[in-house]
């Protein structure tokens, strides 16, 4: 799916709930659980940030936050959310596969449910996530495992876009893996992610070298 198609698809989804928020306004639970690793004034990048629930929370935690999102509809809602919560976030509209990613610019990169690409593009996307992190920086990632296809409560409908522990361990073997676990949990994130879900969490640190 090309950049224009991705923008149209996601904008249609975000517009389909009107003024409501497709994934809600509460930050992702896994991300909230990582608060102990986050300290004020760290620089953070939230990729495929959607309607701002995660980037706004990061800003409220005192981080300096940049959020990248392809959909102008989502960004409109994200800016509205940030304004309502008096949170300062630098929002960028861009296709992650075309964006000019910065080099070693962020202390934290947040990648929550970014499983919109297949294996070939995923390898490129993962390399860009790594590129954007400073040495010693943290990657915080959550996604769905193949078992999610049985639940159908959110996420991609094709198995090749889903993550396994083996896939993530291999993909980030050049990082220090601090946490990697698969689990089944009930989530309630707006109307789009709701119900029992097969999740996978990754916390990894870019090596100092």
Protein backbone atom coordinates (compact mmCIF):
# COMPACT_ATOMS: atom_id res chain seq x y z
CA UNK A 1 0.00 0.00 0.00
CA UNK A 2 1.50 3.33 -1.04
CA UNK A 3 1.80 6.53 0.93
CA UNK A 4 -1.31 8.10 -0.58
CA UNK A 5 -3.32 4.95 0.07
CA UNK A 6 -2.09 4.76 3.67
CA UNK A 7 -3.02 8.38 4.26
CA UNK A 8 -6.47 7.90 2.76
CA UNK A 9 -7.14 4.67 4.65
CA UNK A 10 -6.12 6.03 8.02
CA UNK A 11 -7.82 9.38 7.53
CA UNK A 12 -11.05 7.59 6.65
CA UNK A 13 -10.77 5.52 9.83
CA UNK A 14 -10.11 8.53 12.03
CA UNK A 15 -12.86 10.55 10.36
CA UNK A 16 -15.31 7.67 10.70
CA UNK A 17 -15.77 8.29 14.43
CA UNK A 18 -16.48 11.99 13.96
CA UNK A 19 -15.11 14.16 16.76
CA UNK A 20 -14.48 11.10 18.94
CA UNK A 21 -11.08 9.46 19.22
CA UNK A 22 -10.73 6.12 17.43
CA UNK A 23 -8.24 4.76 19.97
CA UNK A 24 -9.38 6.92 22.86
CA UNK A 25 -7.45 9.62 24.70
CA UNK A 26 -5.94 7.45 27.46
CA UNK A 27 -2.31 6.51 26.80
CA UNK A 28 -1.39 2.92 25.99
CA UNK A 29 -1.15 0.86 29.20
CA UNK A 30 2.23 -0.64 28.33
CA UNK A 31 3.62 2.83 27.74
CA UNK A 32 2.25 4.05 31.07
CA UNK A 33 3.91 1.09 32.79
CA UNK A 34 7.27 2.36 31.48
CA UNK A 35 6.93 5.67 33.34
CA UNK A 36 9.61 4.55 35.80
CA UNK A 37 12.11 4.54 32.90
CA UNK A 38 11.17 8.05 31.78
CA UNK A 39 12.45 11.24 33.32
CA UNK A 40 11.63 14.87 32.55
CA UNK A 41 13.56 16.58 29.76
CA UNK A 42 14.34 13.37 27.90
CA UNK A 43 13.67 13.74 24.17
CA UNK A 44 11.05 11.35 22.80
CA UNK A 45 9.78 10.41 19.34
CA UNK A 46 6.35 8.80 19.04
CA UNK A 47 5.92 7.20 15.61
CA UNK A 48 2.57 6.60 13.90
CA UNK A 49 1.22 8.55 16.84
CA UNK A 50 -2.39 8.73 15.65
CA UNK A 51 -4.64 11.09 17.58
CA UNK A 52 -2.05 12.01 20.19
CA UNK A 53 -2.94 9.89 23.21
CA UNK A 54 0.64 8.71 23.67
CA UNK A 55 2.58 11.82 22.70
CA UNK A 56 0.43 14.08 24.87
CA UNK A 57 0.95 11.79 27.87
CA UNK A 58 4.71 11.79 27.29
CA UNK A 59 4.67 15.59 27.24
CA UNK A 60 2.66 15.62 30.46
CA UNK A 61 5.39 13.45 31.99
CA UNK A 62 7.84 16.24 31.22
CA UNK A 63 9.53 14.85 28.12
CA UNK A 64 10.31 16.90 25.02
CA UNK A 65 8.13 15.18 22.44
CA UNK A 66 7.98 14.91 18.66
CA UNK A 67 5.11 12.94 17.11
CA UNK A 68 4.99 11.71 13.52
CA UNK A 69 1.69 10.71 11.90
CA UNK A 70 0.57 10.27 8.29
CA UNK A 71 -3.08 11.30 8.67
CA UNK A 72 -4.01 15.00 8.77
CA UNK A 73 -7.34 14.02 10.34
CA UNK A 74 -5.53 12.31 13.23
CA UNK A 75 -3.15 15.25 13.60
CA UNK A 76 -6.04 17.68 13.86
CA UNK A 77 -7.43 15.66 16.76
CA UNK A 78 -3.97 15.26 18.30
CA UNK A 79 -3.39 19.02 18.31
CA UNK A 80 -6.82 19.52 19.84
CA UNK A 81 -6.02 16.99 22.56
CA UNK A 82 -2.66 18.61 23.29
CA UNK A 83 -4.25 22.04 23.54
CA UNK A 84 -6.99 20.79 25.86
CA UNK A 85 -4.37 19.27 28.17
CA UNK A 86 -1.92 22.16 27.82
CA UNK A 87 0.75 19.78 26.59
CA UNK A 88 3.46 20.87 24.18
CA UNK A 89 4.14 18.42 21.35
CA UNK A 90 5.88 18.98 18.03
CA UNK A 91 3.59 17.30 15.47
CA UNK A 92 4.86 16.28 12.03
CA UNK A 93 2.76 14.93 9.17
CA UNK A 94 4.81 12.35 7.28
CA UNK A 95 4.81 8.85 5.88
CA UNK A 96 7.29 6.91 8.02
CA UNK A 97 8.59 5.10 4.96
CA UNK A 98 9.41 8.40 3.22
CA UNK A 99 10.29 10.64 6.16
CA UNK A 100 13.84 11.95 6.49
CA UNK A 101 14.54 10.31 9.83
CA UNK A 102 17.03 12.11 12.10
CA UNK A 103 20.23 10.41 13.22
CA UNK A 104 20.82 9.68 16.93
CA UNK A 105 18.38 12.43 17.95
CA UNK A 106 16.15 10.94 20.67
CA UNK A 107 16.52 9.43 24.12
CA UNK A 108 13.29 7.46 23.69
CA UNK A 109 11.47 6.12 20.64
CA UNK A 110 7.89 4.94 21.16
CA UNK A 111 6.38 2.54 18.62
CA UNK A 112 2.91 1.40 19.68
CA UNK A 113 0.96 -0.77 17.20
CA UNK A 114 2.92 0.20 14.08
CA UNK A 115 2.19 -3.09 12.27
CA UNK A 116 0.96 -1.58 9.00
CA UNK A 117 3.88 -2.88 6.90
CA UNK A 118 4.98 -6.31 5.75
CA UNK A 119 8.35 -7.98 6.34
CA UNK A 120 10.39 -6.12 3.69
CA UNK A 121 9.24 -2.64 4.76
CA UNK A 122 9.35 -3.68 8.42
CA UNK A 123 13.09 -4.27 8.19
CA UNK A 124 13.51 -0.74 6.83
CA UNK A 125 11.21 0.74 9.47
CA UNK A 126 13.03 -1.03 12.30
CA UNK A 127 16.35 0.26 10.98
CA UNK A 128 14.96 3.81 11.05
CA UNK A 129 13.78 3.38 14.64
CA UNK A 130 17.31 2.34 15.57
CA UNK A 131 18.81 5.23 13.61
CA UNK A 132 16.71 7.82 15.44
CA UNK A 133 17.85 6.71 18.90
CA UNK A 134 20.86 8.12 20.67
CA UNK A 135 23.38 5.58 22.00
CA UNK A 136 21.94 4.40 25.30
CA UNK A 137 18.43 5.41 24.20
CA UNK A 138 15.33 3.31 24.82
CA UNK A 139 12.94 1.73 22.34
CA UNK A 140 9.46 1.12 23.76
CA UNK A 141 7.39 -1.08 21.44
CA UNK A 142 4.09 -2.91 21.72
CA UNK A 143 2.38 -4.93 19.04
CA UNK A 144 0.20 -7.95 18.37
CA UNK A 145 1.27 -11.59 18.05
CA UNK A 146 -0.19 -14.00 15.45
CA UNK A 147 -2.68 -15.26 18.05
CA UNK A 148 -4.41 -11.90 17.70
CA UNK A 149 -5.99 -13.18 14.48
CA UNK A 150 -8.12 -15.48 16.64
CA UNK A 151 -9.38 -12.57 18.74
CA UNK A 152 -9.97 -10.01 15.99
CA UNK A 153 -10.09 -7.17 18.50
CA UNK A 154 -7.74 -4.86 16.59
CA UNK A 155 -4.57 -4.88 14.55
CA UNK A 156 -3.65 -6.21 11.11
CA UNK A 157 -5.56 -9.00 9.44
CA UNK A 158 -2.47 -10.62 7.87
CA UNK A 159 -0.12 -12.80 9.88
CA UNK A 160 3.07 -11.55 8.22
CA UNK A 161 2.60 -8.12 9.82
CA UNK A 162 2.45 -9.56 13.34
CA UNK A 163 5.34 -10.03 15.79
CA UNK A 164 6.77 -13.00 17.62
CA UNK A 165 9.38 -12.97 20.35
CA UNK A 166 11.83 -14.69 18.00
CA UNK A 167 11.27 -12.04 15.32
CA UNK A 168 11.85 -9.14 17.70
CA UNK A 169 14.81 -10.80 19.38
CA UNK A 170 16.47 -11.27 16.00
CA UNK A 171 15.50 -7.82 14.71
CA UNK A 172 16.98 -6.11 17.76
CA UNK A 173 19.89 -8.44 18.48
CA UNK A 174 22.19 -5.41 18.26
CA UNK A 175 20.31 -3.84 21.22
CA UNK A 176 20.25 -4.77 24.89
CA UNK A 177 16.83 -6.34 25.39
CA UNK A 178 15.53 -5.29 28.80
CA UNK A 179 12.03 -6.72 28.47
CA UNK A 180 10.41 -9.00 25.90
CA UNK A 181 7.20 -10.81 26.65
CA UNK A 182 4.05 -12.09 24.98
CA UNK A 183 0.80 -12.02 26.92
CA UNK A 184 -2.95 -12.03 26.54
CA UNK A 185 -4.73 -9.06 28.08
CA UNK A 186 -8.06 -7.28 27.83
CA UNK A 187 -7.52 -3.79 26.46
CA UNK A 188 -9.91 -0.89 26.03
CA UNK A 189 -8.49 1.74 23.70
CA UNK A 190 -11.37 3.62 22.14
CA UNK A 191 -13.65 1.64 19.87
CA UNK A 192 -10.86 0.21 17.69
CA UNK A 193 -8.90 -1.80 20.26
CA UNK A 194 -11.33 -3.45 22.64
CA UNK A 195 -11.39 -6.90 24.19
CA UNK A 196 -9.01 -9.78 24.81
CA UNK A 197 -5.84 -9.23 22.82
CA UNK A 198 -2.61 -11.13 22.13
CA UNK A 199 0.15 -8.61 22.80
CA UNK A 200 3.91 -8.45 22.76
CA UNK A 201 6.02 -5.90 24.62
CA UNK A 202 9.60 -4.91 23.90
CA UNK A 203 11.89 -2.59 25.84
CA UNK A 204 15.36 -2.40 24.32
CA UNK A 205 18.36 -0.14 24.80
CA UNK A 206 20.67 1.01 22.01
CA UNK A 207 24.21 0.03 22.86
CA UNK A 208 26.82 2.65 23.76
CA UNK A 209 29.42 2.50 21.02
